[in-house]
Amino acid sequence: MSRRCQLTGRQPGFGKSVSHSHVRTSRRWDPNVQTRRYWLPSEGRYVRLRLTTKAIKTVDRKGIEAVVATLRARGERI
């Protein structure tokens, strides 16, 4: 599975690590993606979402119903 947030679309950043001797090697910065399960009262079931910690706070603020409506409007299957 890709390290990508379903709500914000955040994905890994790529760059170089530079050592003390100035040798450069490739690396990536992964977002903090968590799998969360939310109860969707309108459908009477749980939905499982892969979200960054910032997106989890967004769900807490807006509510799961509004977030699911946003994802479905975008064309994402849930």
PDB file of N, CA and C in Angstrom:
ATOM      1  N   MET A   1       0.835  -1.184   0.000  1.00  0.00           N
ATOM      2  CA  MET A   1       0.000   0.000   0.000  1.00  0.00           C
ATOM      3  C   MET A   1       0.879   1.246   0.000  1.00  0.00           C
ATOM      4  N   SER A   2       0.411   2.247  -0.673  1.00  0.00           N
ATOM      5  CA  SER A   2       1.192   3.473  -0.734  1.00  0.00           C
ATOM      6  C   SER A   2       0.999   4.277   0.550  1.00  0.00           C
ATOM      7  N   ARG A   3       2.012   5.031   0.919  1.00  0.00           N
ATOM      8  CA  ARG A   3       1.945   5.886   2.100  1.00  0.00           C
ATOM      9  C   ARG A   3       1.308   7.197   1.668  1.00  0.00           C
ATOM     10  N   ARG A   4       0.001   7.176   1.495  1.00  0.00           N
ATOM     11  CA  ARG A   4      -0.719   8.342   0.994  1.00  0.00           C
ATOM     12  C   ARG A   4      -1.986   8.538   1.819  1.00  0.00           C
ATOM     13  N   CYS A   5      -2.267   9.770   2.179  1.00  0.00           N
ATOM     14  CA  CYS A   5      -3.450  10.095   2.967  1.00  0.00           C
ATOM     15  C   CYS A   5      -4.657  10.188   2.039  1.00  0.00           C
ATOM     16  N   GLN A   6      -5.755   9.542   2.409  1.00  0.00           N
ATOM     17  CA  GLN A   6      -6.951   9.573   1.579  1.00  0.00           C
ATOM     18  C   GLN A   6      -7.629  10.935   1.594  1.00  0.00           C
ATOM     19  N   LEU A   7      -7.486  11.684   2.671  1.00  0.00           N
ATOM     20  CA  LEU A   7      -8.184  12.967   2.783  1.00  0.00           C
ATOM     21  C   LEU A   7      -7.357  14.127   2.237  1.00  0.00           C
ATOM     22  N   THR A   8      -6.110  14.245   2.685  1.00  0.00           N
ATOM     23  CA  THR A   8      -5.292  15.391   2.289  1.00  0.00           C
ATOM     24  C   THR A   8      -4.452  15.120   1.045  1.00  0.00           C
ATOM     25  N   GLY A   9      -4.244  13.848   0.712  1.00  0.00           N
ATOM     26  CA  GLY A   9      -3.431  13.501  -0.454  1.00  0.00           C
ATOM     27  C   GLY A   9      -1.935  13.583  -0.190  1.00  0.00           C
ATOM     28  N   ARG A  10      -1.568  13.757   1.062  1.00  0.00           N
ATOM     29  CA  ARG A  10      -0.153  13.877   1.408  1.00  0.00           C
ATOM     30  C   ARG A  10       0.580  12.574   1.103  1.00  0.00           C
ATOM     31  N   GLN A  11       1.775  12.688   0.518  1.00  0.00           N
ATOM     32  CA  GLN A  11       2.561  11.519   0.121  1.00  0.00           C
ATOM     33  C   GLN A  11       4.032  11.750   0.455  1.00  0.00           C
ATOM     34  N   PRO A  12       4.877  10.724   0.294  1.00  0.00           N
ATOM     35  CA  PRO A  12       6.277  10.885   0.689  1.00  0.00           C
ATOM     36  C   PRO A  12       6.997  11.971  -0.094  1.00  0.00           C
ATOM     37  N   GLY A  13       7.944  12.630   0.589  1.00  0.00           N
ATOM     38  CA  GLY A  13       8.839  13.571  -0.059  1.00  0.00           C
ATOM     39  C   GLY A  13      10.179  12.889  -0.277  1.00  0.00           C
ATOM     40  N   PHE A  14      10.861  13.231  -1.344  1.00  0.00           N
ATOM     41  CA  PHE A  14      12.134  12.586  -1.682  1.00  0.00           C
ATOM     42  C   PHE A  14      13.250  13.608  -1.667  1.00  0.00           C
ATOM     43  N   GLY A  15      14.436  13.139  -1.327  1.00  0.00           N
ATOM     44  CA  GLY A  15      15.586  14.027  -1.289  1.00  0.00           C
ATOM     45  C   GLY A  15      16.849  13.244  -1.030  1.00  0.00           C
ATOM     46  N   LYS A  16      17.834  13.901  -0.467  1.00  0.00           N
ATOM     47  CA  LYS A  16      19.136  13.293  -0.217  1.00  0.00           C
ATOM     48  C   LYS A  16      19.517  13.450   1.241  1.00  0.00           C
ATOM     49  N   SER A  17      20.144  12.416   1.783  1.00  0.00           N
ATOM     50  CA  SER A  17      20.819  12.522   3.070  1.00  0.00           C
ATOM     51  C   SER A  17      22.257  12.906   2.783  1.00  0.00           C
ATOM     52  N   VAL A  18      22.778  13.852   3.521  1.00  0.00           N
ATOM     53  CA  VAL A  18      24.159  14.285   3.322  1.00  0.00           C
ATOM     54  C   VAL A  18      24.938  13.945   4.589  1.00  0.00           C
ATOM     55  N   SER A  19      25.951  13.082   4.449  1.00  0.00           N
ATOM     56  CA  SER A  19      26.755  12.646   5.589  1.00  0.00           C
ATOM     57  C   SER A  19      27.804  13.698   5.939  1.00  0.00           C
ATOM     58  N   HIS A  20      28.555  13.402   6.985  1.00  0.00           N
ATOM     59  CA  HIS A  20      29.621  14.307   7.408  1.00  0.00           C
ATOM     60  C   HIS A  20      30.676  14.468   6.313  1.00  0.00           C
ATOM     61  N   SER A  21      30.915  13.376   5.552  1.00  0.00           N
ATOM     62  CA  SER A  21      31.893  13.433   4.459  1.00  0.00           C
ATOM     63  C   SER A  21      31.280  13.983   3.172  1.00  0.00           C
ATOM     64  N   HIS A  22      30.039  14.399   3.261  1.00  0.00           N
ATOM     65  CA  HIS A  22      29.299  15.012   2.150  1.00  0.00           C
ATOM     66  C   HIS A  22      28.906  14.010   1.057  1.00  0.00           C
ATOM     67  N   VAL A  23      28.844  12.727   1.421  1.00  0.00           N
ATOM     68  CA  VAL A  23      28.338  11.703   0.502  1.00  0.00           C
ATOM     69  C   VAL A  23      26.823  11.793   0.522  1.00  0.00           C
ATOM     70  N   ARG A  24      26.222  11.841  -0.650  1.00  0.00           N
ATOM     71  CA  ARG A  24      24.770  11.983  -0.736  1.00  0.00           C
ATOM     72  C   ARG A  24      24.124  10.658  -1.101  1.00  0.00           C
ATOM     73  N   THR A  25      23.119  10.276  -0.332  1.00  0.00           N
ATOM     74  CA  THR A  25      22.356   9.068  -0.605  1.00  0.00           C
ATOM     75  C   THR A  25      20.880   9.422  -0.633  1.00  0.00           C
ATOM     76  N   SER A  26      20.121   8.707  -1.446  1.00  0.00           N
ATOM     77  CA  SER A  26      18.694   8.983  -1.578  1.00  0.00           C
ATOM     78  C   SER A  26      17.948   8.546  -0.322  1.00  0.00           C
ATOM     79  N   ARG A  27      16.927   9.289   0.020  1.00  0.00           N
ATOM     80  CA  ARG A  27      16.055   8.928   1.122  1.00  0.00           C
ATOM     81  C   ARG A  27      14.661   9.482   0.879  1.00  0.00           C
ATOM     82  N   ARG A  28      13.730   9.080   1.716  1.00  0.00           N
ATOM     83  CA  ARG A  28      12.372   9.603   1.605  1.00  0.00           C
ATOM     84  C   ARG A  28      11.831   9.935   2.981  1.00  0.00           C
ATOM     85  N   TRP A  29      10.982  10.950   3.020  1.00  0.00           N
ATOM     86  CA  TRP A  29      10.307  11.369   4.237  1.00  0.00           C
ATOM     87  C   TRP A  29       8.863  10.912   4.129  1.00  0.00           C
ATOM     88  N   ASP A  30       8.506   9.893   4.912  1.00  0.00           N
ATOM     89  CA  ASP A  30       7.151   9.361   4.868  1.00  0.00           C
ATOM     90  C   ASP A  30       6.224  10.183   5.763  1.00  0.00           C
ATOM     91  N   PRO A  31       4.989  10.426   5.305  1.00  0.00           N
ATOM     92  CA  PRO A  31       4.017  11.081   6.184  1.00  0.00           C
ATOM     93  C   PRO A  31       3.568  10.100   7.269  1.00  0.00           C
ATOM     94  N   ASN A  32       3.082  10.630   8.358  1.00  0.00           N
ATOM     95  CA  ASN A  32       2.629   9.800   9.474  1.00  0.00           C
ATOM     96  C   ASN A  32       1.212   9.304   9.180  1.00  0.00           C
ATOM     97  N   VAL A  33       1.114   8.227   8.412  1.00  0.00           N
ATOM     98  CA  VAL A  33      -0.179   7.684   7.982  1.00  0.00           C
ATOM     99  C   VAL A  33      -0.630   6.610   8.966  1.00  0.00           C
ATOM    100  N   GLN A  34      -1.849   6.761   9.458  1.00  0.00           N
ATOM    101  CA  GLN A  34      -2.452   5.817  10.396  1.00  0.00           C
ATOM    102  C   GLN A  34      -3.717   5.248   9.776  1.00  0.00           C
ATOM    103  N   THR A  35      -4.031   4.002  10.100  1.00  0.00           N
ATOM    104  CA  THR A  35      -5.295   3.405   9.673  1.00  0.00           C
ATOM    105  C   THR A  35      -6.290   3.578  10.811  1.00  0.00           C
ATOM    106  N   ARG A  36      -7.395   4.243  10.525  1.00  0.00           N
ATOM    107  CA  ARG A  36      -8.416   4.486  11.543  1.00  0.00           C
ATOM    108  C   ARG A  36      -9.740   3.915  11.077  1.00  0.00           C
ATOM    109  N   ARG A  37     -10.528   3.429  12.020  1.00  0.00           N
ATOM    110  CA  ARG A  37     -11.839   2.882  11.729  1.00  0.00           C
ATOM    111  C   ARG A  37     -12.870   3.798  12.368  1.00  0.00           C
ATOM    112  N   TYR A  38     -13.803   4.289  11.564  1.00  0.00           N
ATOM    113  CA  TYR A  38     -14.837   5.211  12.041  1.00  0.00           C
ATOM    114  C   TYR A  38     -16.218   4.587  11.842  1.00  0.00           C
ATOM    115  N   TRP A  39     -17.099   4.836  12.796  1.00  0.00           N
ATOM    116  CA  TRP A  39     -18.486   4.387  12.681  1.00  0.00           C
ATOM    117  C   TRP A  39     -19.259   5.406  11.860  1.00  0.00           C
ATOM    118  N   LEU A  40     -19.908   4.928  10.790  1.00  0.00           N
ATOM    119  CA  LEU A  40     -20.696   5.788   9.908  1.00  0.00           C
ATOM    120  C   LEU A  40     -22.171   5.535  10.230  1.00  0.00           C
ATOM    121  N   PRO A  41     -22.800   6.387  11.043  1.00  0.00           N
ATOM    122  CA  PRO A  41     -24.173   6.118  11.510  1.00  0.00           C
ATOM    123  C   PRO A  41     -25.201   6.066  10.387  1.00  0.00           C
ATOM    124  N   SER A  42     -25.024   6.866   9.334  1.00  0.00           N
ATOM    125  CA  SER A  42     -26.016   6.897   8.267  1.00  0.00           C
ATOM    126  C   SER A  42     -26.109   5.565   7.520  1.00  0.00           C
ATOM    127  N   GLU A  43     -25.001   4.821   7.475  1.00  0.00           N
ATOM    128  CA  GLU A  43     -24.993   3.533   6.776  1.00  0.00           C
ATOM    129  C   GLU A  43     -24.975   2.354   7.738  1.00  0.00           C
ATOM    130  N   GLY A  44     -24.817   2.638   9.024  1.00  0.00           N
ATOM    131  CA  GLY A  44     -24.809   1.579  10.023  1.00  0.00           C
ATOM    132  C   GLY A  44     -23.629   0.628   9.882  1.00  0.00           C
ATOM    133  N   ARG A  45     -22.464   1.160   9.520  1.00  0.00           N
ATOM    134  CA  ARG A  45     -21.275   0.318   9.348  1.00  0.00           C
ATOM    135  C   ARG A  45     -20.019   1.121   9.660  1.00  0.00           C
ATOM    136  N   TYR A  46     -18.913   0.407   9.780  1.00  0.00           N
ATOM    137  CA  TYR A  46     -17.622   1.033   9.975  1.00  0.00           C
ATOM    138  C   TYR A  46     -16.968   1.278   8.626  1.00  0.00           C
ATOM    139  N   VAL A  47     -16.182   2.356   8.531  1.00  0.00           N
ATOM    140  CA  VAL A  47     -15.344   2.609   7.357  1.00  0.00           C
ATOM    141  C   VAL A  47     -13.907   2.715   7.846  1.00  0.00           C
ATOM    142  N   ARG A  48     -13.008   2.165   7.062  1.00  0.00           N
ATOM    143  CA  ARG A  48     -11.585   2.170   7.407  1.00  0.00           C
ATOM    144  C   ARG A  48     -10.881   3.156   6.481  1.00  0.00           C
ATOM    145  N   LEU A  49     -10.198   4.138   7.063  1.00  0.00           N
ATOM    146  CA  LEU A  49      -9.518   5.167   6.287  1.00  0.00           C
ATOM    147  C   LEU A  49      -8.039   5.209   6.649  1.00  0.00           C
ATOM    148  N   ARG A  50      -7.191   5.484   5.645  1.00  0.00           N
ATOM    149  CA  ARG A  50      -5.758   5.695   5.869  1.00  0.00           C
ATOM    150  C   ARG A  50      -5.522   7.200   5.882  1.00  0.00           C
ATOM    151  N   LEU A  51      -5.272   7.740   7.079  1.00  0.00           N
ATOM    152  CA  LEU A  51      -5.202   9.190   7.260  1.00  0.00           C
ATOM    153  C   LEU A  51      -3.907   9.591   7.946  1.00  0.00           C
ATOM    154  N   THR A  52      -3.427  10.795   7.614  1.00  0.00           N
ATOM    155  CA  THR A  52      -2.330  11.371   8.380  1.00  0.00           C
ATOM    156  C   THR A  52      -2.891  11.888   9.702  1.00  0.00           C
ATOM    157  N   THR A  53      -2.005  12.165  10.634  1.00  0.00           N
ATOM    158  CA  THR A  53      -2.463  12.637  11.935  1.00  0.00           C
ATOM    159  C   THR A  53      -3.176  13.984  11.818  1.00  0.00           C
ATOM    160  N   LYS A  54      -2.761  14.819  10.876  1.00  0.00           N
ATOM    161  CA  LYS A  54      -3.446  16.096  10.652  1.00  0.00           C
ATOM    162  C   LYS A  54      -4.867  15.856  10.132  1.00  0.00           C
ATOM    163  N   ALA A  55      -5.032  14.869   9.252  1.00  0.00           N
ATOM    164  CA  ALA A  55      -6.357  14.557   8.710  1.00  0.00           C
ATOM    165  C   ALA A  55      -7.265  13.965   9.786  1.00  0.00           C
ATOM    166  N   ILE A  56      -6.692  13.242  10.750  1.00  0.00           N
ATOM    167  CA  ILE A  56      -7.488  12.707  11.858  1.00  0.00           C
ATOM    168  C   ILE A  56      -8.088  13.860  12.659  1.00  0.00           C
ATOM    169  N   LYS A  57      -7.295  14.919  12.874  1.00  0.00           N
ATOM    170  CA  LYS A  57      -7.809  16.103  13.572  1.00  0.00           C
ATOM    171  C   LYS A  57      -8.905  16.782  12.748  1.00  0.00           C
ATOM    172  N   THR A  58      -8.759  16.766  11.414  1.00  0.00           N
ATOM    173  CA  THR A  58      -9.771  17.350  10.543  1.00  0.00           C
ATOM    174  C   THR A  58     -11.086  16.582  10.659  1.00  0.00           C
ATOM    175  N   VAL A  59     -11.003  15.254  10.711  1.00  0.00           N
ATOM    176  CA  VAL A  59     -12.209  14.429  10.877  1.00  0.00           C
ATOM    177  C   VAL A  59     -12.854  14.719  12.220  1.00  0.00           C
ATOM    178  N   ASP A  60     -12.062  14.889  13.266  1.00  0.00           N
ATOM    179  CA  ASP A  60     -12.609  15.209  14.588  1.00  0.00           C
ATOM    180  C   ASP A  60     -13.329  16.553  14.582  1.00  0.00           C
ATOM    181  N   ARG A  61     -12.808  17.499  13.791  1.00  0.00           N
ATOM    182  CA  ARG A  61     -13.392  18.840  13.753  1.00  0.00           C
ATOM    183  C   ARG A  61     -14.638  18.880  12.881  1.00  0.00           C
ATOM    184  N   LYS A  62     -14.574  18.316  11.660  1.00  0.00           N
ATOM    185  CA  LYS A  62     -15.685  18.396  10.709  1.00  0.00           C
ATOM    186  C   LYS A  62     -16.749  17.327  10.930  1.00  0.00           C
ATOM    187  N   GLY A  63     -16.322  16.150  11.362  1.00  0.00           N
ATOM    188  CA  GLY A  63     -17.234  15.021  11.517  1.00  0.00           C
ATOM    189  C   GLY A  63     -17.047  14.037  10.375  1.00  0.00           C
ATOM    190  N   ILE A  64     -17.273  12.765  10.658  1.00  0.00           N
ATOM    191  CA  ILE A  64     -17.015  11.709   9.679  1.00  0.00           C
ATOM    192  C   ILE A  64     -17.984  11.783   8.502  1.00  0.00           C
ATOM    193  N   GLU A  65     -19.219  12.200   8.737  1.00  0.00           N
ATOM    194  CA  GLU A  65     -20.208  12.278   7.650  1.00  0.00           C
ATOM    195  C   GLU A  65     -19.764  13.276   6.580  1.00  0.00           C
ATOM    196  N   ALA A  66     -19.294  14.450   7.006  1.00  0.00           N
ATOM    197  CA  ALA A  66     -18.854  15.476   6.059  1.00  0.00           C
ATOM    198  C   ALA A  66     -17.608  15.030   5.311  1.00  0.00           C
ATOM    199  N   VAL A  67     -16.701  14.349   5.996  1.00  0.00           N
ATOM    200  CA  VAL A  67     -15.463  13.893   5.359  1.00  0.00           C
ATOM    201  C   VAL A  67     -15.762  12.828   4.320  1.00  0.00           C
ATOM    202  N   VAL A  68     -16.634  11.883   4.648  1.00  0.00           N
ATOM    203  CA  VAL A  68     -17.005  10.826   3.692  1.00  0.00           C
ATOM    204  C   VAL A  68     -17.709  11.430   2.486  1.00  0.00           C
ATOM    205  N   ALA A  69     -18.547  12.439   2.695  1.00  0.00           N
ATOM    206  CA  ALA A  69     -19.208  13.108   1.572  1.00  0.00           C
ATOM    207  C   ALA A  69     -18.183  13.777   0.662  1.00  0.00           C
ATOM    208  N   THR A  70     -17.145  14.384   1.248  1.00  0.00           N
ATOM    209  CA  THR A  70     -16.082  15.008   0.464  1.00  0.00           C
ATOM    210  C   THR A  70     -15.328  13.981  -0.362  1.00  0.00           C
ATOM    211  N   LEU A  71     -14.992  12.840   0.256  1.00  0.00           N
ATOM    212  CA  LEU A  71     -14.259  11.791  -0.451  1.00  0.00           C
ATOM    213  C   LEU A  71     -15.085  11.209  -1.593  1.00  0.00           C
ATOM    214  N   ARG A  72     -16.376  11.013  -1.356  1.00  0.00           N
ATOM    215  CA  ARG A  72     -17.238  10.458  -2.410  1.00  0.00           C
ATOM    216  C   ARG A  72     -17.433  11.447  -3.555  1.00  0.00           C
ATOM    217  N   ALA A  73     -17.490  12.736  -3.233  1.00  0.00           N
ATOM    218  CA  ALA A  73     -17.613  13.755  -4.290  1.00  0.00           C
ATOM    219  C   ALA A  73     -16.378  13.771  -5.164  1.00  0.00           C
ATOM    220  N   ARG A  74     -15.239  13.419  -4.595  1.00  0.00           N
ATOM    221  CA  ARG A  74     -13.992  13.333  -5.319  1.00  0.00           C
ATOM    222  C   ARG A  74     -13.924  12.068  -6.192  1.00  0.00           C
ATOM    223  N   GLY A  75     -14.840  11.126  -5.946  1.00  0.00           N
ATOM    224  CA  GLY A  75     -14.881   9.898  -6.735  1.00  0.00           C
ATOM    225  C   GLY A  75     -14.183   8.719  -6.109  1.00  0.00           C
ATOM    226  N   GLU A  76     -13.854   8.826  -4.825  1.00  0.00           N
ATOM    227  CA  GLU A  76     -13.146   7.750  -4.137  1.00  0.00           C
ATOM    228  C   GLU A  76     -14.148   6.751  -3.570  1.00  0.00           C
ATOM    229  N   ARG A  77     -13.832   5.474  -3.719  1.00  0.00           N
ATOM    230  CA  ARG A  77     -14.708   4.431  -3.184  1.00  0.00           C
ATOM    231  C   ARG A  77     -14.408   4.215  -1.712  1.00  0.00           C
ATOM    232  N   ILE A  78     -15.470   4.131  -0.909  1.00  0.00           N
ATOM    233  CA  ILE A  78     -15.292   3.902   0.536  1.00  0.00           C
ATOM    234  C   ILE A  78     -16.177   2.742   0.959  1.00  0.00           C
TER     235      ILE A  78
END
